[in-house]
Each structure stands twice: as structure tokens, then as C-alpha cells.
Amino acid sequence: MEARAVAKYVKMSPSKIKPVTDLVRGKDLTEALTILKFTPGKGAELIEKVVQSAAANAENNHEMDVSKLYVAEIYANQGPTMKRWRAGAQGRAGRILKRSSHIGVTLKER
């Protein structure tokens, strides 16, 4: 039995989120939430919300024991990229890429 939660179109690049996902992969739920709470940066806050959502799904929808849950799978994949332009020197245009992510968490019981 597993519980999942996904946050799509998060306005942050996956390269900033992936190091934080590596910190909590395979950890118990309480330990993972503690790590995310004290990790600086916006990426940790976003991942914490998704992990809490997956825990709520496990408890309410699947009737799993919260004390036995662990982070079985966590990922931050690339979402769509918005392309913007910025004026450059001598009439040129510079490209700005505003990247987004899809964050997914799967919790399982030990």
C-alpha cells in the first residue's frame, strides 16, 4: 500500500529542488519533516508541503499508520519552461528561461 502526492507547475527549477529531495529519500516521515523544517531555502518549504499532503492522504484515504510511514520515492522533474526576452546591447535580445518543476512523493509503510 502506498500514498502519493504531486505538486505540479511549481515555479522553481528542478536543479534547486533536487538536492533537498536527496536529503529525505528513504527517511522515516517524522525525520524527513524535521530535516525539511530546518533546511534553509524555498525548495525545502515546497517539498515539506508535498510530504505533508502525502501523509494526510495516507492517513485519511488509505487508513495507514502514520508512525510507520517512510519516504519511499521522491522526485523533482522538469515542467514546462516559460521563455521571456530581455533587451540586450546593440539592439539584440537576451533569452530568459523561467523553469518550473513537478514534485512527487510516495510514502509506504515499513
N, C-alpha and C. Protein backbone atom coordinates (compact mmCIF):
# COMPACT_ATOMS: atom_id res chain seq x y z
N MET A 1 0.84 -1.17 0.00
CA MET A 1 0.00 0.00 0.00
C MET A 1 0.89 1.24 0.00
N GLU A 2 0.52 2.22 -0.79
CA GLU A 2 1.31 3.45 -0.86
C GLU A 2 0.38 4.65 -0.98
N ALA A 3 0.89 5.79 -0.53
CA ALA A 3 0.16 7.05 -0.63
C ALA A 3 1.03 8.04 -1.40
N ARG A 4 0.40 8.78 -2.30
CA ARG A 4 1.16 9.69 -3.16
C ARG A 4 0.59 11.11 -3.07
N ALA A 5 1.46 12.05 -3.41
CA ALA A 5 1.05 13.44 -3.58
C ALA A 5 1.97 14.07 -4.62
N VAL A 6 1.40 14.94 -5.46
CA VAL A 6 2.16 15.58 -6.53
C VAL A 6 1.83 17.06 -6.54
N ALA A 7 2.86 17.89 -6.64
CA ALA A 7 2.69 19.34 -6.85
C ALA A 7 3.21 19.64 -8.24
N LYS A 8 2.32 20.13 -9.10
CA LYS A 8 2.72 20.39 -10.48
C LYS A 8 2.89 21.89 -10.71
N TYR A 9 3.71 22.21 -11.69
CA TYR A 9 3.94 23.58 -12.14
C TYR A 9 4.45 24.49 -11.02
N VAL A 10 5.35 23.96 -10.19
CA VAL A 10 5.97 24.74 -9.13
C VAL A 10 6.98 25.68 -9.76
N LYS A 11 6.93 26.96 -9.42
CA LYS A 11 7.77 27.97 -10.06
C LYS A 11 9.18 27.99 -9.47
N MET A 12 9.89 26.87 -9.62
CA MET A 12 11.28 26.79 -9.20
C MET A 12 11.95 25.71 -10.04
N SER A 13 13.19 25.93 -10.40
CA SER A 13 13.86 24.97 -11.28
C SER A 13 14.18 23.67 -10.52
N PRO A 14 14.14 22.54 -11.21
CA PRO A 14 14.42 21.26 -10.57
C PRO A 14 15.84 21.17 -10.01
N SER A 15 16.77 21.90 -10.61
CA SER A 15 18.16 21.85 -10.12
C SER A 15 18.29 22.43 -8.71
N LYS A 16 17.37 23.31 -8.32
CA LYS A 16 17.38 23.86 -6.96
C LYS A 16 16.64 22.95 -5.98
N ILE A 17 15.73 22.14 -6.47
CA ILE A 17 14.92 21.29 -5.60
C ILE A 17 15.56 19.93 -5.37
N LYS A 18 16.25 19.39 -6.38
CA LYS A 18 16.78 18.03 -6.30
C LYS A 18 17.74 17.79 -5.14
N PRO A 19 18.64 18.71 -4.78
CA PRO A 19 19.50 18.45 -3.61
C PRO A 19 18.71 18.24 -2.32
N VAL A 20 17.58 18.92 -2.19
CA VAL A 20 16.76 18.77 -0.98
C VAL A 20 16.02 17.43 -1.00
N THR A 21 15.60 16.99 -2.19
CA THR A 21 14.93 15.69 -2.26
C THR A 21 15.88 14.56 -1.88
N ASP A 22 17.16 14.72 -2.20
CA ASP A 22 18.14 13.70 -1.86
C ASP A 22 18.34 13.57 -0.35
N LEU A 23 18.07 14.67 0.39
CA LEU A 23 18.24 14.64 1.84
C LEU A 23 17.21 13.74 2.52
N VAL A 24 15.99 13.68 1.98
CA VAL A 24 14.90 12.99 2.68
C VAL A 24 14.53 11.64 2.08
N ARG A 25 15.10 11.27 0.95
CA ARG A 25 14.75 10.00 0.30
C ARG A 25 15.13 8.83 1.21
N GLY A 26 14.16 7.94 1.49
CA GLY A 26 14.40 6.77 2.32
C GLY A 26 14.26 6.98 3.81
N LYS A 27 14.02 8.21 4.26
CA LYS A 27 13.92 8.52 5.69
C LYS A 27 12.50 8.26 6.20
N ASP A 28 12.38 8.07 7.52
CA ASP A 28 11.06 7.99 8.15
C ASP A 28 10.35 9.33 8.00
N LEU A 29 9.03 9.30 8.09
CA LEU A 29 8.23 10.50 7.86
C LEU A 29 8.57 11.62 8.85
N THR A 30 8.64 11.30 10.14
CA THR A 30 8.92 12.33 11.14
C THR A 30 10.32 12.91 10.95
N GLU A 31 11.28 12.04 10.65
CA GLU A 31 12.65 12.50 10.42
C GLU A 31 12.74 13.38 9.17
N ALA A 32 12.03 12.99 8.12
CA ALA A 32 12.03 13.77 6.88
C ALA A 32 11.42 15.15 7.10
N LEU A 33 10.31 15.21 7.83
CA LEU A 33 9.68 16.51 8.10
C LEU A 33 10.56 17.41 8.96
N THR A 34 11.30 16.80 9.90
CA THR A 34 12.22 17.57 10.73
C THR A 34 13.37 18.13 9.89
N ILE A 35 13.92 17.31 9.02
CA ILE A 35 15.00 17.77 8.14
C ILE A 35 14.53 18.92 7.26
N LEU A 36 13.33 18.77 6.69
CA LEU A 36 12.81 19.81 5.79
C LEU A 36 12.50 21.10 6.54
N LYS A 37 12.07 20.97 7.79
CA LYS A 37 11.73 22.17 8.57
C LYS A 37 12.96 23.03 8.83
N PHE A 38 14.11 22.39 9.03
CA PHE A 38 15.31 23.14 9.39
C PHE A 38 16.28 23.31 8.22
N THR A 39 15.88 22.94 7.03
CA THR A 39 16.70 23.16 5.85
C THR A 39 16.35 24.53 5.27
N PRO A 40 17.33 25.40 5.07
CA PRO A 40 17.01 26.72 4.54
C PRO A 40 16.63 26.66 3.06
N GLY A 41 15.88 27.64 2.64
CA GLY A 41 15.55 27.74 1.23
C GLY A 41 14.10 27.45 0.93
N LYS A 42 13.64 27.99 -0.18
CA LYS A 42 12.25 27.84 -0.58
C LYS A 42 11.94 26.42 -1.04
N GLY A 43 12.92 25.73 -1.59
CA GLY A 43 12.71 24.37 -2.06
C GLY A 43 12.29 23.43 -0.94
N ALA A 44 12.86 23.60 0.25
CA ALA A 44 12.52 22.76 1.40
C ALA A 44 11.07 22.99 1.83
N GLU A 45 10.60 24.23 1.76
CA GLU A 45 9.22 24.54 2.13
C GLU A 45 8.24 23.88 1.16
N LEU A 46 8.56 23.94 -0.13
CA LEU A 46 7.69 23.33 -1.14
C LEU A 46 7.61 21.82 -0.96
N ILE A 47 8.75 21.18 -0.74
CA ILE A 47 8.79 19.74 -0.56
C ILE A 47 8.07 19.34 0.72
N GLU A 48 8.22 20.15 1.77
CA GLU A 48 7.55 19.85 3.04
C GLU A 48 6.04 19.83 2.87
N LYS A 49 5.50 20.75 2.09
CA LYS A 49 4.06 20.78 1.84
C LYS A 49 3.59 19.53 1.11
N VAL A 50 4.38 19.07 0.14
CA VAL A 50 4.00 17.88 -0.61
C VAL A 50 4.08 16.63 0.27
N VAL A 51 5.12 16.54 1.12
CA VAL A 51 5.26 15.39 2.01
C VAL A 51 4.10 15.36 3.01
N GLN A 52 3.73 16.52 3.55
CA GLN A 52 2.60 16.58 4.48
C GLN A 52 1.30 16.18 3.79
N SER A 53 1.14 16.57 2.54
CA SER A 53 -0.04 16.20 1.78
C SER A 53 -0.10 14.69 1.57
N ALA A 54 1.04 14.09 1.25
CA ALA A 54 1.09 12.64 1.06
C ALA A 54 0.78 11.92 2.38
N ALA A 55 1.25 12.46 3.50
CA ALA A 55 0.97 11.87 4.81
C ALA A 55 -0.52 11.96 5.13
N ALA A 56 -1.14 13.08 4.80
CA ALA A 56 -2.58 13.24 5.02
C ALA A 56 -3.36 12.27 4.13
N ASN A 57 -2.90 12.08 2.89
CA ASN A 57 -3.55 11.12 2.00
C ASN A 57 -3.45 9.70 2.57
N ALA A 58 -2.29 9.37 3.12
CA ALA A 58 -2.09 8.04 3.68
C ALA A 58 -3.00 7.80 4.87
N GLU A 59 -3.14 8.81 5.71
CA GLU A 59 -3.94 8.66 6.93
C GLU A 59 -5.43 8.65 6.61
N ASN A 60 -5.89 9.56 5.77
CA ASN A 60 -7.32 9.73 5.55
C ASN A 60 -7.88 8.83 4.45
N ASN A 61 -7.15 8.67 3.36
CA ASN A 61 -7.68 7.92 2.22
C ASN A 61 -7.35 6.43 2.27
N HIS A 62 -6.15 6.11 2.78
CA HIS A 62 -5.70 4.72 2.74
C HIS A 62 -5.66 4.06 4.12
N GLU A 63 -5.98 4.83 5.17
CA GLU A 63 -6.02 4.33 6.55
C GLU A 63 -4.73 3.64 6.95
N MET A 64 -3.61 4.29 6.65
CA MET A 64 -2.29 3.76 7.01
C MET A 64 -1.86 4.36 8.34
N ASP A 65 -0.96 3.66 9.03
CA ASP A 65 -0.43 4.13 10.31
C ASP A 65 0.69 5.14 10.04
N VAL A 66 0.50 6.38 10.50
CA VAL A 66 1.44 7.46 10.20
C VAL A 66 2.81 7.21 10.82
N SER A 67 2.85 6.52 11.97
CA SER A 67 4.13 6.28 12.64
C SER A 67 5.02 5.28 11.90
N LYS A 68 4.44 4.51 10.98
CA LYS A 68 5.21 3.51 10.24
C LYS A 68 5.60 3.96 8.85
N LEU A 69 5.25 5.20 8.46
CA LEU A 69 5.49 5.66 7.09
C LEU A 69 6.93 6.09 6.87
N TYR A 70 7.40 5.89 5.64
CA TYR A 70 8.71 6.40 5.22
C TYR A 70 8.62 6.89 3.78
N VAL A 71 9.57 7.74 3.40
CA VAL A 71 9.59 8.31 2.05
C VAL A 71 10.21 7.28 1.12
N ALA A 72 9.35 6.57 0.39
CA ALA A 72 9.82 5.51 -0.50
C ALA A 72 10.36 6.09 -1.80
N GLU A 73 9.71 7.13 -2.29
CA GLU A 73 10.09 7.70 -3.58
C GLU A 73 9.83 9.19 -3.54
N ILE A 74 10.76 9.96 -4.05
CA ILE A 74 10.58 11.42 -4.14
C ILE A 74 11.36 11.90 -5.36
N TYR A 75 10.73 12.79 -6.12
CA TYR A 75 11.38 13.28 -7.33
C TYR A 75 10.98 14.71 -7.60
N ALA A 76 11.81 15.38 -8.39
CA ALA A 76 11.53 16.74 -8.87
C ALA A 76 11.88 16.75 -10.36
N ASN A 77 10.88 16.56 -11.19
CA ASN A 77 11.08 16.55 -12.63
C ASN A 77 10.83 17.93 -13.22
N GLN A 78 11.36 18.12 -14.41
CA GLN A 78 11.20 19.41 -15.06
C GLN A 78 9.81 19.55 -15.65
N GLY A 79 9.22 20.72 -15.41
CA GLY A 79 7.93 21.06 -16.00
C GLY A 79 8.16 21.96 -17.21
N PRO A 80 7.12 22.61 -17.68
CA PRO A 80 7.27 23.50 -18.83
C PRO A 80 8.12 24.72 -18.50
N THR A 81 8.81 25.22 -19.50
CA THR A 81 9.66 26.40 -19.34
C THR A 81 9.04 27.57 -20.07
N MET A 82 8.87 28.68 -19.34
CA MET A 82 8.38 29.91 -19.98
C MET A 82 9.57 30.65 -20.56
N LYS A 83 9.46 31.08 -21.79
CA LYS A 83 10.55 31.77 -22.46
C LYS A 83 10.23 33.26 -22.52
N ARG A 84 11.15 34.06 -22.01
CA ARG A 84 10.98 35.50 -21.99
C ARG A 84 12.20 36.15 -22.62
N TRP A 85 12.08 37.41 -23.01
CA TRP A 85 13.17 38.13 -23.65
C TRP A 85 13.53 39.36 -22.85
N ARG A 86 14.81 39.71 -22.90
CA ARG A 86 15.31 40.91 -22.23
C ARG A 86 16.16 41.67 -23.23
N ALA A 87 16.01 42.96 -23.23
CA ALA A 87 16.78 43.77 -24.17
C ALA A 87 18.27 43.63 -23.90
N GLY A 88 19.02 43.48 -24.98
CA GLY A 88 20.47 43.34 -24.86
C GLY A 88 21.17 44.49 -25.55
N ALA A 89 22.48 44.45 -25.57
CA ALA A 89 23.29 45.52 -26.16
C ALA A 89 23.14 45.51 -27.68
N GLN A 90 23.21 46.68 -28.28
CA GLN A 90 23.21 46.87 -29.74
C GLN A 90 21.96 46.28 -30.41
N GLY A 91 20.82 46.43 -29.75
CA GLY A 91 19.56 46.01 -30.34
C GLY A 91 19.29 44.51 -30.30
N ARG A 92 20.12 43.80 -29.61
CA ARG A 92 19.92 42.36 -29.51
C ARG A 92 18.93 42.03 -28.38
N ALA A 93 18.53 40.76 -28.34
CA ALA A 93 17.65 40.30 -27.26
C ALA A 93 18.31 39.13 -26.55
N GLY A 94 18.23 39.13 -25.22
CA GLY A 94 18.76 38.03 -24.42
C GLY A 94 17.61 37.16 -23.96
N ARG A 95 17.83 35.87 -23.95
CA ARG A 95 16.78 34.92 -23.60
C ARG A 95 16.76 34.68 -22.09
N ILE A 96 15.58 34.66 -21.50
CA ILE A 96 15.40 34.31 -20.09
C ILE A 96 14.51 33.09 -20.04
N LEU A 97 14.96 32.04 -19.36
CA LEU A 97 14.18 30.81 -19.22
C LEU A 97 13.66 30.72 -17.79
N LYS A 98 12.35 30.76 -17.63
CA LYS A 98 11.73 30.63 -16.31
C LYS A 98 11.25 29.18 -16.19
N ARG A 99 12.03 28.39 -15.46
CA ARG A 99 11.78 26.96 -15.37
C ARG A 99 10.76 26.64 -14.28
N SER A 100 10.08 25.50 -14.45
CA SER A 100 9.13 25.03 -13.44
C SER A 100 9.39 23.55 -13.19
N SER A 101 8.76 23.02 -12.13
CA SER A 101 9.01 21.64 -11.71
C SER A 101 7.71 20.94 -11.38
N HIS A 102 7.77 19.62 -11.39
CA HIS A 102 6.73 18.76 -10.86
C HIS A 102 7.37 17.97 -9.72
N ILE A 103 6.86 18.12 -8.49
CA ILE A 103 7.40 17.44 -7.31
C ILE A 103 6.44 16.32 -6.94
N GLY A 104 6.96 15.10 -6.78
CA GLY A 104 6.14 13.95 -6.41
C GLY A 104 6.73 13.21 -5.24
N VAL A 105 5.86 12.72 -4.35
CA VAL A 105 6.28 11.98 -3.15
C VAL A 105 5.42 10.73 -3.03
N THR A 106 6.06 9.60 -2.73
CA THR A 106 5.35 8.36 -2.45
C THR A 106 5.77 7.88 -1.07
N LEU A 107 4.78 7.63 -0.20
CA LEU A 107 5.04 7.13 1.15
C LEU A 107 4.55 5.69 1.23
N LYS A 108 5.31 4.85 1.94
CA LYS A 108 4.93 3.46 2.18
C LYS A 108 5.10 3.13 3.64
N GLU A 109 4.45 2.03 4.06
CA GLU A 109 4.59 1.57 5.44
C GLU A 109 5.74 0.59 5.55
N ARG A 110 6.45 0.67 6.68
CA ARG A 110 7.52 -0.30 6.94
C ARG A 110 6.94 -1.56 7.52
